[in-house]
Structures are given as structure tokens and as C-alpha cells.
All heavy atoms as atom14 arrays in JSON, in Angstrom:
{
  "sequence": "KIKKALFYPAAVLVVAMIVTAILLIFVIPQ",
  "atom14_mask": [
    [1, 1, 1, 1, 1, 1, 1, 1, 1, 0, 0, 0, 0, 0],
    [1, 1, 1, 1, 1, 1, 1, 1, 0, 0, 0, 0, 0, 0],
    [1, 1, 1, 1, 1, 1, 1, 1, 1, 0, 0, 0, 0, 0],
    [1, 1, 1, 1, 1, 1, 1, 1, 1, 0, 0, 0, 0, 0],
    [1, 1, 1, 1, 1, 0, 0, 0, 0, 0, 0, 0, 0, 0],
    [1, 1, 1, 1, 1, 1, 1, 1, 0, 0, 0, 0, 0, 0],
    [1, 1, 1, 1, 1, 1, 1, 1, 1, 1, 1, 0, 0, 0],
    [1, 1, 1, 1, 1, 1, 1, 1, 1, 1, 1, 1, 0, 0],
    [1, 1, 1, 1, 1, 1, 1, 0, 0, 0, 0, 0, 0, 0],
    [1, 1, 1, 1, 1, 0, 0, 0, 0, 0, 0, 0, 0, 0],
    [1, 1, 1, 1, 1, 0, 0, 0, 0, 0, 0, 0, 0, 0],
    [1, 1, 1, 1, 1, 1, 1, 0, 0, 0, 0, 0, 0, 0],
    [1, 1, 1, 1, 1, 1, 1, 1, 0, 0, 0, 0, 0, 0],
    [1, 1, 1, 1, 1, 1, 1, 0, 0, 0, 0, 0, 0, 0],
    [1, 1, 1, 1, 1, 1, 1, 0, 0, 0, 0, 0, 0, 0],
    [1, 1, 1, 1, 1, 0, 0, 0, 0, 0, 0, 0, 0, 0],
    [1, 1, 1, 1, 1, 1, 1, 1, 0, 0, 0, 0, 0, 0],
    [1, 1, 1, 1, 1, 1, 1, 1, 0, 0, 0, 0, 0, 0],
    [1, 1, 1, 1, 1, 1, 1, 0, 0, 0, 0, 0, 0, 0],
    [1, 1, 1, 1, 1, 1, 1, 0, 0, 0, 0, 0, 0, 0],
    [1, 1, 1, 1, 1, 0, 0, 0, 0, 0, 0, 0, 0, 0],
    [1, 1, 1, 1, 1, 1, 1, 1, 0, 0, 0, 0, 0, 0],
    [1, 1, 1, 1, 1, 1, 1, 1, 0, 0, 0, 0, 0, 0],
    [1, 1, 1, 1, 1, 1, 1, 1, 0, 0, 0, 0, 0, 0],
    [1, 1, 1, 1, 1, 1, 1, 1, 0, 0, 0, 0, 0, 0],
    [1, 1, 1, 1, 1, 1, 1, 1, 1, 1, 1, 0, 0, 0],
    [1, 1, 1, 1, 1, 1, 1, 0, 0, 0, 0, 0, 0, 0],
    [1, 1, 1, 1, 1, 1, 1, 1, 0, 0, 0, 0, 0, 0],
    [1, 1, 1, 1, 1, 1, 1, 0, 0, 0, 0, 0, 0, 0],
    [1, 1, 1, 1, 1, 1, 1, 1, 1, 0, 0, 0, 0, 0]
  ],
  "atom14_positions": [
    [[45.79, -71.15, -28.52], [45.67, -71.91, -29.77], [44.27, -72.49, -29.94], [43.68, -72.4, -31.02], [46.7, -73.07, -29.76], [48.07, -72.68, -30.28], [48.06, -72.55, -31.79], [49.42, -72.19, -32.34], [49.38, -72.04, -33.82], [0.0, 0.0, 0.0], [0.0, 0.0, 0.0], [0.0, 0.0, 0.0], [0.0, 0.0, 0.0], [0.0, 0.0, 0.0]],
    [[43.73, -73.06, -28.86], [42.39, -73.67, -28.94], [41.34, -72.58, -29.14], [40.41, -72.74, -29.96], [42.12, -74.49, -27.67], [43.06, -75.7, -27.63], [40.67, -74.96, -27.64], [42.95, -76.51, -26.38], [0.0, 0.0, 0.0], [0.0, 0.0, 0.0], [0.0, 0.0, 0.0], [0.0, 0.0, 0.0], [0.0, 0.0, 0.0], [0.0, 0.0, 0.0]],
    [[41.46, -71.46, -28.42], [40.49, -70.36, -28.6], [40.54, -69.81, -30.02], [39.52, -69.48, -30.61], [40.79, -69.24, -27.6], [40.37, -69.57, -26.17], [40.69, -68.43, -25.22], [40.28, -68.77, -23.8], [40.64, -67.7, -22.84], [0.0, 0.0, 0.0], [0.0, 0.0, 0.0], [0.0, 0.0, 0.0], [0.0, 0.0, 0.0], [0.0, 0.0, 0.0]],
    [[41.77, -69.71, -30.55], [41.92, -69.22, -31.92], [41.23, -70.14, -32.92], [40.59, -69.69, -33.86], [43.41, -69.12, -32.24], [43.71, -68.68, -33.67], [45.2, -68.73, -33.95], [45.5, -68.45, -35.42], [46.93, -68.61, -35.74], [0.0, 0.0, 0.0], [0.0, 0.0, 0.0], [0.0, 0.0, 0.0], [0.0, 0.0, 0.0], [0.0, 0.0, 0.0]],
    [[41.36, -71.46, -32.67], [40.75, -72.43, -33.57], [39.22, -72.35, -33.53], [38.55, -72.56, -34.55], [41.2, -73.84, -33.22], [0.0, 0.0, 0.0], [0.0, 0.0, 0.0], [0.0, 0.0, 0.0], [0.0, 0.0, 0.0], [0.0, 0.0, 0.0], [0.0, 0.0, 0.0], [0.0, 0.0, 0.0], [0.0, 0.0, 0.0], [0.0, 0.0, 0.0]],
    [[38.67, -72.06, -32.35], [37.22, -72.05, -32.2], [36.6, -70.69, -32.54], [35.42, -70.63, -32.89], [36.84, -72.42, -30.75], [37.22, -73.84, -30.3], [36.87, -74.01, -28.81], [36.51, -74.88, -31.13], [0.0, 0.0, 0.0], [0.0, 0.0, 0.0], [0.0, 0.0, 0.0], [0.0, 0.0, 0.0], [0.0, 0.0, 0.0], [0.0, 0.0, 0.0]],
    [[37.39, -69.62, -32.46], [36.83, -68.29, -32.65], [36.35, -68.07, -34.09], [35.25, -67.55, -34.3], [37.88, -67.22, -32.29], [37.43, -65.82, -32.56], [36.53, -65.2, -31.7], [37.84, -65.13, -33.7], [36.09, -63.9, -31.96], [37.41, -63.85, -33.96], [36.53, -63.22, -33.09], [0.0, 0.0, 0.0], [0.0, 0.0, 0.0], [0.0, 0.0, 0.0]],
    [[37.18, -68.45, -35.05], [36.84, -68.16, -36.46], [35.52, -68.82, -36.87], [34.62, -68.15, -37.38], [37.99, -68.58, -37.37], [37.69, -68.39, -38.83], [37.65, -67.13, -39.39], [37.39, -69.48, -39.65], [37.35, -66.94, -40.73], [37.08, -69.31, -41.0], [37.07, -68.04, -41.53], [36.77, -67.87, -42.84], [0.0, 0.0, 0.0], [0.0, 0.0, 0.0]],
    [[35.37, -70.15, -36.67], [34.07, -70.75, -37.07], [32.9, -70.18, -36.31], [31.82, -69.98, -36.88], [34.27, -72.24, -36.77], [35.45, -72.33, -35.88], [36.3, -71.18, -36.21], [0.0, 0.0, 0.0], [0.0, 0.0, 0.0], [0.0, 0.0, 0.0], [0.0, 0.0, 0.0], [0.0, 0.0, 0.0], [0.0, 0.0, 0.0], [0.0, 0.0, 0.0]],
    [[33.09, -69.88, -35.01], [32.0, -69.32, -34.21], [31.6, -67.94, -34.75], [30.41, -67.63, -34.9], [32.41, -69.21, -32.75], [0.0, 0.0, 0.0], [0.0, 0.0, 0.0], [0.0, 0.0, 0.0], [0.0, 0.0, 0.0], [0.0, 0.0, 0.0], [0.0, 0.0, 0.0], [0.0, 0.0, 0.0], [0.0, 0.0, 0.0], [0.0, 0.0, 0.0]],
    [[32.61, -67.12, -35.1], [32.32, -65.78, -35.62], [31.61, -65.86, -36.96], [30.64, -65.12, -37.2], [33.64, -65.0, -35.77], [0.0, 0.0, 0.0], [0.0, 0.0, 0.0], [0.0, 0.0, 0.0], [0.0, 0.0, 0.0], [0.0, 0.0, 0.0], [0.0, 0.0, 0.0], [0.0, 0.0, 0.0], [0.0, 0.0, 0.0], [0.0, 0.0, 0.0]],
    [[32.04, -66.76, -37.84], [31.4, -66.88, -39.14], [29.96, -67.37, -39.01], [29.06, -66.87, -39.71], [32.22, -67.84, -40.05], [31.47, -68.12, -41.35], [33.58, -67.24, -40.38], [0.0, 0.0, 0.0], [0.0, 0.0, 0.0], [0.0, 0.0, 0.0], [0.0, 0.0, 0.0], [0.0, 0.0, 0.0], [0.0, 0.0, 0.0], [0.0, 0.0, 0.0]],
    [[29.73, -68.33, -38.12], [28.36, -68.83, -37.92], [27.44, -67.75, -37.34], [26.27, -67.66, -37.73], [28.39, -70.05, -37.0], [28.99, -71.32, -37.6], [29.05, -72.44, -36.57], [28.17, -71.78, -38.82], [0.0, 0.0, 0.0], [0.0, 0.0, 0.0], [0.0, 0.0, 0.0], [0.0, 0.0, 0.0], [0.0, 0.0, 0.0], [0.0, 0.0, 0.0]],
    [[27.96, -66.93, -36.45], [27.17, -65.82, -35.89], [26.81, -64.84, -37.0], [25.65, -64.38, -37.1], [27.94, -65.12, -34.76], [27.25, -63.81, -34.39], [28.01, -66.02, -33.54], [0.0, 0.0, 0.0], [0.0, 0.0, 0.0], [0.0, 0.0, 0.0], [0.0, 0.0, 0.0], [0.0, 0.0, 0.0], [0.0, 0.0, 0.0], [0.0, 0.0, 0.0]],
    [[27.78, -64.5, -37.84], [27.53, -63.6, -38.97], [26.5, -64.21, -39.89], [25.58, -63.51, -40.39], [28.84, -63.29, -39.71], [28.54, -62.55, -41.01], [29.77, -62.45, -38.84], [0.0, 0.0, 0.0], [0.0, 0.0, 0.0], [0.0, 0.0, 0.0], [0.0, 0.0, 0.0], [0.0, 0.0, 0.0], [0.0, 0.0, 0.0], [0.0, 0.0, 0.0]],
    [[26.59, -65.51, -40.15], [25.64, -66.19, -41.03], [24.23, -66.12, -40.46], [23.25, -65.88, -41.2], [26.06, -67.64, -41.22], [0.0, 0.0, 0.0], [0.0, 0.0, 0.0], [0.0, 0.0, 0.0], [0.0, 0.0, 0.0], [0.0, 0.0, 0.0], [0.0, 0.0, 0.0], [0.0, 0.0, 0.0], [0.0, 0.0, 0.0], [0.0, 0.0, 0.0]],
    [[24.1, -66.3, -39.16], [22.78, -66.22, -38.52], [22.21, -64.8, -38.61], [21.01, -64.62, -38.86], [22.88, -66.65, -37.05], [23.18, -68.14, -36.88], [23.5, -68.6, -35.16], [21.95, -68.2, -34.39], [0.0, 0.0, 0.0], [0.0, 0.0, 0.0], [0.0, 0.0, 0.0], [0.0, 0.0, 0.0], [0.0, 0.0, 0.0], [0.0, 0.0, 0.0]],
    [[23.07, -63.79, -38.41], [22.61, -62.4, -38.49], [22.15, -62.06, -39.91], [21.08, -61.46, -40.11], [23.73, -61.44, -38.03], [23.99, -61.64, -36.54], [23.35, -59.99, -38.32], [25.19, -60.86, -36.02], [0.0, 0.0, 0.0], [0.0, 0.0, 0.0], [0.0, 0.0, 0.0], [0.0, 0.0, 0.0], [0.0, 0.0, 0.0], [0.0, 0.0, 0.0]],
    [[22.95, -62.47, -40.9], [22.6, -62.2, -42.31], [21.3, -62.9, -42.66], [20.41, -62.32, -43.33], [23.74, -62.65, -43.23], [23.29, -62.61, -44.7], [24.97, -61.76, -43.04], [0.0, 0.0, 0.0], [0.0, 0.0, 0.0], [0.0, 0.0, 0.0], [0.0, 0.0, 0.0], [0.0, 0.0, 0.0], [0.0, 0.0, 0.0], [0.0, 0.0, 0.0]],
    [[21.15, -64.16, -42.23], [19.93, -64.92, -42.51], [18.71, -64.24, -41.87], [17.65, -64.12, -42.51], [20.06, -66.36, -41.98], [21.2, -66.97, -42.56], [18.83, -67.17, -42.3], [0.0, 0.0, 0.0], [0.0, 0.0, 0.0], [0.0, 0.0, 0.0], [0.0, 0.0, 0.0], [0.0, 0.0, 0.0], [0.0, 0.0, 0.0], [0.0, 0.0, 0.0]],
    [[18.87, -63.76, -40.63], [17.76, -63.08, -39.94], [17.38, -61.8, -40.67], [16.17, -61.5, -40.83], [18.15, -62.78, -38.5], [0.0, 0.0, 0.0], [0.0, 0.0, 0.0], [0.0, 0.0, 0.0], [0.0, 0.0, 0.0], [0.0, 0.0, 0.0], [0.0, 0.0, 0.0], [0.0, 0.0, 0.0], [0.0, 0.0, 0.0], [0.0, 0.0, 0.0]],
    [[18.36, -61.05, -41.14], [18.08, -59.8, -41.87], [17.32, -60.1, -43.16], [16.33, -59.42, -43.51], [19.39, -59.04, -42.18], [19.99, -58.5, -40.88], [19.16, -57.92, -43.17], [21.36, -57.89, -41.03], [0.0, 0.0, 0.0], [0.0, 0.0, 0.0], [0.0, 0.0, 0.0], [0.0, 0.0, 0.0], [0.0, 0.0, 0.0], [0.0, 0.0, 0.0]],
    [[17.76, -61.15, -43.87], [17.07, -61.52, -45.1], [15.63, -61.94, -44.84], [14.69, -61.55, -45.56], [17.82, -62.65, -45.81], [19.17, -62.3, -46.43], [19.87, -63.56, -46.95], [18.99, -61.3, -47.58], [0.0, 0.0, 0.0], [0.0, 0.0, 0.0], [0.0, 0.0, 0.0], [0.0, 0.0, 0.0], [0.0, 0.0, 0.0], [0.0, 0.0, 0.0]],
    [[15.43, -62.75, -43.79], [14.08, -63.24, -43.47], [13.15, -62.12, -42.99], [11.95, -62.13, -43.33], [14.16, -64.33, -42.39], [14.76, -65.66, -42.81], [14.96, -66.57, -41.6], [13.87, -66.37, -43.86], [0.0, 0.0, 0.0], [0.0, 0.0, 0.0], [0.0, 0.0, 0.0], [0.0, 0.0, 0.0], [0.0, 0.0, 0.0], [0.0, 0.0, 0.0]],
    [[13.68, -61.16, -42.25], [12.81, -60.12, -41.66], [12.58, -58.95, -42.59], [11.47, -58.41, -42.66], [13.44, -59.63, -40.33], [13.47, -60.79, -39.3], [12.67, -58.46, -39.77], [14.23, -60.48, -38.04], [0.0, 0.0, 0.0], [0.0, 0.0, 0.0], [0.0, 0.0, 0.0], [0.0, 0.0, 0.0], [0.0, 0.0, 0.0], [0.0, 0.0, 0.0]],
    [[13.59, -58.54, -43.36], [13.48, -57.3, -44.14], [13.41, -57.51, -45.67], [12.71, -56.78, -46.35], [14.66, -56.38, -43.82], [14.73, -55.96, -42.38], [15.68, -56.49, -41.53], [13.82, -55.05, -41.86], [15.75, -56.13, -40.2], [13.87, -54.67, -40.55], [14.83, -55.21, -39.7], [0.0, 0.0, 0.0], [0.0, 0.0, 0.0], [0.0, 0.0, 0.0]],
    [[14.15, -58.48, -46.18], [14.25, -58.62, -47.65], [13.14, -59.48, -48.21], [12.47, -59.09, -49.18], [15.63, -59.21, -48.01], [15.72, -59.42, -49.54], [16.75, -58.3, -47.53], [0.0, 0.0, 0.0], [0.0, 0.0, 0.0], [0.0, 0.0, 0.0], [0.0, 0.0, 0.0], [0.0, 0.0, 0.0], [0.0, 0.0, 0.0], [0.0, 0.0, 0.0]],
    [[12.92, -60.65, -47.62], [11.94, -61.59, -48.18], [10.51, -61.02, -48.18], [9.76, -61.26, -49.14], [12.01, -62.93, -47.43], [13.33, -63.62, -47.81], [10.82, -63.85, -47.75], [13.61, -64.9, -47.09], [0.0, 0.0, 0.0], [0.0, 0.0, 0.0], [0.0, 0.0, 0.0], [0.0, 0.0, 0.0], [0.0, 0.0, 0.0], [0.0, 0.0, 0.0]],
    [[10.08, -60.22, -47.16], [8.74, -59.61, -47.24], [8.56, -58.74, -48.48], [7.43, -58.65, -49.02], [8.65, -58.79, -45.95], [9.55, -59.5, -44.99], [10.68, -60.01, -45.83], [0.0, 0.0, 0.0], [0.0, 0.0, 0.0], [0.0, 0.0, 0.0], [0.0, 0.0, 0.0], [0.0, 0.0, 0.0], [0.0, 0.0, 0.0], [0.0, 0.0, 0.0]],
    [[9.62, -58.08, -48.94], [9.5, -57.27, -50.16], [9.22, -58.15, -51.37], [8.4, -57.81, -52.22], [10.81, -56.49, -50.38], [11.21, -55.6, -49.21], [10.15, -54.55, -48.89], [9.54, -53.97, -49.78], [9.92, -54.34, -47.6], [0.0, 0.0, 0.0], [0.0, 0.0, 0.0], [0.0, 0.0, 0.0], [0.0, 0.0, 0.0], [0.0, 0.0, 0.0]]
  ]
}
């Protein structure tokens, strides 16, 4: 139960960091 509660926010934050890094490295220079 505790792992389930922590997994979702952790997964979303990781995805947010990856998306932000992609935007900063590849999109914004264009």
C-alpha cells in the first residue's frame, strides 16, 4: 500500500524531469 502510494508521484516527477530536460536540450535551442 505504501509503495503504491509513493510510486505514482515518483513516476510522474521522473517523467516531468525527463520531459523538461528534452525541452531544454533539444527544443529551446531551435
